[in-house]
Amino acid sequence: MEAFLVSFATVGIAEMGDRTQLLSLMLAAHYRRAWPIIAGVLCATIANHLLAGLIGVRLGRFLTPAMLDAAVGISLIAMALWALRPDTLEPATGARPAGAFIATLVAFFVAEIGDKTQIATVALAAAYSRLFAVVAGTTAGMLLANVPVIFIGKAFAERLPVRALRRVASALFLLLGVLFIYRAWSHTIHSG
């Protein structure tokens, strides 16, 4: 349960103001069809985060618990700094509409490559080695952050205090990072 909850919270927070949230807003404004967009976000996130989780679980097998906790802690602190930097979404040029679902599926999968939520999924899967719980948590966190934007659209996004959300997200990542580094330190003290 801890793996699901930490994954859910981490991605739900990381996604606030992220480029994929901006992508949700853009797709909702363009297609004006919430359910196909939500289905595209869901399928793309599961595919992307499952791949990231598999990589994380594989990496986790080669690292000691102290090394895993330290790596997750350091990555969460890096995400705390990254969360302070605003994301932008470059408009696509020359793209042909292929329907809301397909457009969302492809755009989301590609936008998530190398994104902080994908990197978090790798780190969390390595730390917890509970692939299903991590992917379910990160996917639920992604949906939590994007579904309101899809339904409410531009009016909601303009009212979001994005700067404040980034600061809160950064503080939470910093707190989680320190917690994981403390766990790494505890592993080292108790094993040596």
Protein backbone atom coordinates (compact mmCIF):
# COMPACT_ATOMS: atom_id res chain seq x y z
CA MET A 1 0.00 0.00 0.00
CA GLU A 2 2.91 2.34 0.75
CA ALA A 3 4.26 1.91 -2.79
CA PHE A 4 0.87 2.87 -4.28
CA LEU A 5 0.35 5.88 -1.99
CA VAL A 6 3.86 7.30 -2.40
CA SER A 7 3.66 6.77 -6.19
CA PHE A 8 0.20 8.36 -6.33
CA ALA A 9 1.25 11.40 -4.30
CA THR A 10 4.57 11.85 -6.08
CA VAL A 11 3.11 11.87 -9.60
CA GLY A 12 -0.05 13.73 -8.64
CA ILE A 13 2.07 16.53 -7.23
CA ALA A 14 4.71 16.42 -9.99
CA GLU A 15 2.06 16.74 -12.67
CA MET A 16 0.76 20.11 -11.42
CA GLY A 17 1.77 22.65 -14.05
CA ASP A 18 3.68 20.00 -16.02
CA ARG A 19 3.79 20.03 -19.81
CA THR A 20 1.47 17.02 -20.02
CA GLN A 21 -1.11 18.91 -17.97
CA LEU A 22 -0.76 21.75 -20.45
CA LEU A 23 -1.15 19.17 -23.20
CA SER A 24 -4.41 18.00 -21.59
CA LEU A 25 -5.65 21.57 -21.63
CA MET A 26 -4.69 22.02 -25.27
CA LEU A 27 -6.32 18.74 -26.35
CA ALA A 28 -9.50 19.53 -24.41
CA ALA A 29 -9.73 22.95 -26.03
CA HIS A 30 -9.08 21.52 -29.49
CA TYR A 31 -11.25 18.37 -29.48
CA ARG A 32 -13.87 19.30 -26.82
CA ARG A 33 -14.42 15.58 -26.11
CA ALA A 34 -13.42 14.67 -22.56
CA TRP A 35 -13.84 10.88 -22.50
CA PRO A 36 -11.67 10.01 -25.52
CA ILE A 37 -8.97 12.32 -24.17
CA ILE A 38 -9.15 10.73 -20.71
CA ALA A 39 -8.96 7.26 -22.30
CA GLY A 40 -5.90 8.38 -24.28
CA VAL A 41 -4.22 9.76 -21.15
CA LEU A 42 -4.96 6.54 -19.28
CA CYS A 43 -3.64 4.20 -22.00
CA ALA A 44 -0.55 6.31 -22.73
CA THR A 45 0.29 6.64 -19.04
CA ILE A 46 -0.10 2.91 -18.37
CA ALA A 47 2.13 2.05 -21.34
CA ASN A 48 4.77 4.67 -20.55
CA HIS A 49 4.88 4.08 -16.81
CA LEU A 50 4.80 0.29 -17.19
CA LEU A 51 7.89 0.52 -19.36
CA ALA A 52 9.53 2.90 -16.86
CA GLY A 53 8.52 0.63 -13.98
CA LEU A 54 10.00 -2.45 -15.65
CA ILE A 55 13.29 -0.58 -16.05
CA GLY A 56 13.12 0.51 -12.40
CA VAL A 57 12.41 -2.99 -11.08
CA ARG A 58 15.30 -4.36 -13.13
CA LEU A 59 17.66 -1.69 -11.81
CA GLY A 60 16.40 -2.31 -8.28
CA ARG A 61 17.62 -5.91 -8.36
CA PHE A 62 21.23 -4.79 -8.64
CA LEU A 63 21.23 -2.24 -5.84
CA THR A 64 21.28 -2.63 -2.06
CA PRO A 65 18.40 -1.13 -0.04
CA ALA A 66 20.66 1.71 1.11
CA MET A 67 21.73 2.48 -2.47
CA LEU A 68 18.10 2.38 -3.65
CA ASP A 69 16.87 4.69 -0.92
CA ALA A 70 19.77 7.09 -1.54
CA ALA A 71 19.09 7.11 -5.30
CA VAL A 72 15.38 7.74 -4.77
CA GLY A 73 16.14 10.43 -2.20
CA ILE A 74 18.56 12.21 -4.51
CA SER A 75 16.15 11.95 -7.45
CA LEU A 76 13.31 13.38 -5.34
CA ILE A 77 15.49 16.31 -4.24
CA ALA A 78 16.38 16.89 -7.91
CA MET A 79 12.64 16.81 -8.67
CA ALA A 80 12.11 19.39 -5.92
CA LEU A 81 14.41 21.73 -7.82
CA TRP A 82 12.88 20.78 -11.18
CA ALA A 83 9.36 21.46 -9.86
CA LEU A 84 10.28 25.11 -9.34
CA ARG A 85 10.99 25.54 -13.04
CA PRO A 86 7.84 26.24 -15.07
CA ASP A 87 7.09 23.92 -17.97
CA THR A 88 6.08 25.14 -21.39
CA LEU A 89 4.41 23.34 -24.22
CA GLU A 90 5.62 23.99 -27.73
CA PRO A 91 2.76 24.01 -30.23
CA ALA A 92 2.86 21.15 -32.72
CA THR A 93 3.31 22.12 -36.33
CA GLY A 94 2.05 20.21 -39.33
CA ALA A 95 0.15 17.64 -37.28
CA ARG A 96 -2.96 16.14 -38.87
CA PRO A 97 -5.90 15.42 -36.58
CA ALA A 98 -6.41 11.69 -36.13
CA GLY A 99 -9.17 11.80 -33.54
CA ALA A 100 -9.09 12.76 -29.89
CA PHE A 101 -8.12 9.33 -28.56
CA ILE A 102 -5.27 8.59 -30.99
CA ALA A 103 -3.92 12.14 -30.81
CA THR A 104 -3.93 12.02 -27.01
CA LEU A 105 -2.44 8.52 -26.86
CA VAL A 106 0.49 9.40 -29.11
CA ALA A 107 1.06 12.91 -27.75
CA PHE A 108 0.96 11.80 -24.11
CA PHE A 109 3.22 8.81 -24.60
CA VAL A 110 5.82 10.95 -26.37
CA ALA A 111 5.48 13.88 -23.92
CA GLU A 112 6.09 11.54 -20.98
CA ILE A 113 9.42 10.28 -22.35
CA GLY A 114 12.10 11.75 -20.09
CA ASP A 115 9.51 13.68 -18.08
CA LYS A 116 9.90 14.00 -14.33
CA THR A 117 6.92 11.68 -13.75
CA GLN A 118 8.53 8.96 -15.87
CA ILE A 119 11.83 9.37 -14.02
CA ALA A 120 9.94 9.23 -10.72
CA THR A 121 8.28 5.99 -11.86
CA VAL A 122 11.68 4.42 -12.59
CA ALA A 123 13.00 5.47 -9.18
CA LEU A 124 9.88 4.36 -7.29
CA ALA A 125 9.76 0.97 -9.04
CA ALA A 126 13.44 0.46 -8.21
CA ALA A 127 12.84 1.36 -4.57
CA TYR A 128 9.68 -0.65 -4.00
CA SER A 129 9.97 -3.42 -6.63
CA ARG A 130 6.17 -3.68 -6.60
CA LEU A 131 5.56 -2.97 -10.25
CA PHE A 132 1.75 -3.10 -10.21
CA ALA A 133 1.42 -0.88 -7.12
CA VAL A 134 3.85 1.71 -8.48
CA VAL A 135 2.32 1.85 -11.98
CA ALA A 136 -1.21 1.94 -10.54
CA GLY A 137 -0.18 4.76 -8.20
CA THR A 138 1.60 6.82 -10.85
CA THR A 139 -1.26 6.32 -13.31
CA ALA A 140 -3.85 7.34 -10.69
CA GLY A 141 -1.75 10.40 -9.83
CA MET A 142 -1.56 11.34 -13.52
CA LEU A 143 -5.33 11.04 -13.87
CA LEU A 144 -5.93 13.01 -10.66
CA ALA A 145 -3.96 15.93 -12.06
CA ASN A 146 -5.24 15.79 -15.65
CA VAL A 147 -8.93 14.85 -15.52
CA PRO A 148 -10.06 18.13 -13.90
CA VAL A 149 -8.11 20.08 -16.51
CA ILE A 150 -9.77 18.09 -19.28
CA PHE A 151 -13.28 18.59 -17.91
CA ILE A 152 -13.08 22.15 -16.79
CA GLY A 153 -10.73 23.30 -19.52
CA LYS A 154 -9.17 26.69 -19.92
CA ALA A 155 -11.23 28.50 -17.28
CA PHE A 156 -9.92 26.14 -14.61
CA ALA A 157 -6.31 26.37 -15.76
CA GLU A 158 -6.34 30.17 -15.68
CA ARG A 159 -7.47 30.14 -12.05
CA LEU A 160 -4.90 27.61 -10.84
CA PRO A 161 -2.21 29.22 -8.70
CA VAL A 162 0.52 27.41 -10.66
CA ARG A 163 3.44 29.18 -8.99
CA ALA A 164 2.15 28.28 -5.51
CA LEU A 165 1.47 24.69 -6.62
CA ARG A 166 5.04 24.38 -7.91
CA ARG A 167 6.39 25.63 -4.58
CA VAL A 168 4.25 23.20 -2.57
CA ALA A 169 5.24 20.36 -4.91
CA SER A 170 8.90 21.29 -4.51
CA ALA A 171 8.61 21.29 -0.71
CA LEU A 172 6.89 17.88 -0.73
CA PHE A 173 9.54 16.40 -3.03
CA LEU A 174 12.24 17.81 -0.79
CA LEU A 175 10.58 16.28 2.27
CA LEU A 176 10.22 12.87 0.59
CA GLY A 177 13.82 13.08 -0.66
CA VAL A 178 15.12 13.76 2.84
CA LEU A 179 13.01 10.86 4.16
CA PHE A 180 14.52 8.44 1.63
CA ILE A 181 18.06 9.68 2.34
CA TYR A 182 17.41 9.17 6.05
CA ARG A 183 16.25 5.61 5.28
CA ALA A 184 19.47 5.03 3.29
CA TRP A 185 21.52 6.33 6.20
CA SER A 186 19.59 4.04 8.59
CA HIS A 187 20.30 1.01 6.35
CA THR A 188 24.00 1.88 6.35
CA ILE A 189 24.16 2.35 10.15
CA HIS A 190 22.31 -0.90 10.91
CA SER A 191 24.25 -3.02 8.42
CA GLY A 192 27.70 -1.77 9.39
